[in-house]
Amino acid sequence: MRESTGTTDRETAEGVLGDRLTRASQGLPVVRLQNVRFDELAEDLKTHDETTGSRDPQEAEKRVKPLRRFFAGWRAAQIDGAALNRYVVKRQATGTANGTINRERSVLLKMLRLALEHGKLARLPVIRGLKESLPRSGFFEAEQYAAVRRHLPADLQTACDVAYTFGWRMQSEVLALERRDVDLAGGRLSLRAGETKNEEGREVFLTPQLKAALVAQLERVDTLQRQLKRVIPFVFPHLQGCHRGKQILDFRKAWRTACLEAELGGLTGEAREKRRQWLKANPSAGLLSMLRHDLRRTAVRNLVRAGVAERVAMELTGHKTRSVFDRYDIVSEADKRAASERLGLGMFSGMTGESAVESRPATGRTS
């Protein structure tokens, strides 16, 4: 029986031969490398994630989906640096950010490493990452958040309030909340261990405003339960439409609309239409550039400026490392201006008139 290893490197080929002989001597099935396809690698990764619990299934599928569209049907041995370069070009053509492509690259590398461990790949190809842009520094001033919030439905207002207050991740934490996570009597909101990005649980005490908003939200869910005559465990289910009663997984369209309406403000008639056309030509202008994840950065910033101890703030938001927490604590122009004003007041306090600055000649020396 002859089999190509897909490589011209003698040492690698001999390694594959040795592996085949070992498996044959142990009575184990011998995998023919030419028959291993991307689809099998994707299935192996899914099985690995499910059995180890190392990654959220929904998040994993989100990363695998674009890879599958490109690599479906490919032999594993064909996936190398050149192949990934073609994938990168195609993704960049759709406007996908390098950071997103790098996350997808990491998933592909994990597939290939698993294949190597299972004897389904002769060698691991060299796949280089892309240079990413600087981390986002978007955050909401209070009036900006109020303007966007005003144009969201009541249930999504409450969801955004949770993210705005405590910096919780919208899709994986806020929208995933269940009724058992809300303790109105004790004024607590919880995330169960294993349900967060870092696998650790979290508990916060509700502010009066947020408690009132959650009471109203649960009343809406109670009304929906009576209408559908079934139990709804979610805090944020769809209240209408074909998905009524199911958990809200995303609301990008509603968010985009709210940001657009906030930018249009109170404009009417011709002025409104003119502004709308300008925003259409400049889709990243003003509030249109804001993401729901910017609520997380805003929460970190607000907590620090409210005087909350950084260790406590990190417990509330779920940040594990100081470096990431600091990156989310965005410094604005107003912060810099206020710092300069405080420096001026402190450094020159007690000095008046000409004594504030010692007068010296610009040049020359005295003996």
Foldseek 3Di string as FASTA:
>chain_A
DDADQLDPDPVLVVVLVVVQVVCVVVVHDADRLQPAFPVVLLVVVLVVCVVVVLDDNVVLCVLCVLVCVQRPPPRPSVDAQVSLVVSVVVCVVVVDFLVSSQVSVVSVQVSNVVCVVVSNHSDRHDHDGDDGDDDDQDADDPVLLVQLLVQFPLLVSLLLVLCLAQVEDRQQFSLADWPVQDDLVQQKGKDPQSSDPVSHIAMDGHDPVSSVSLVVQVVLVVVLCVVVVHDQGTSAFDCDDPRHSHGDRDDVVSSLVSLLCSQLDPDDDPSSVVSSVVCVVVCCPDSSVDDSSSSSLNNLQVCVVVVNPNVVSCRRNVDDDPVVSVVSNRDDPVNVVVVVVVCVCPPQPPDDDPRSDDDDDPDDDDD
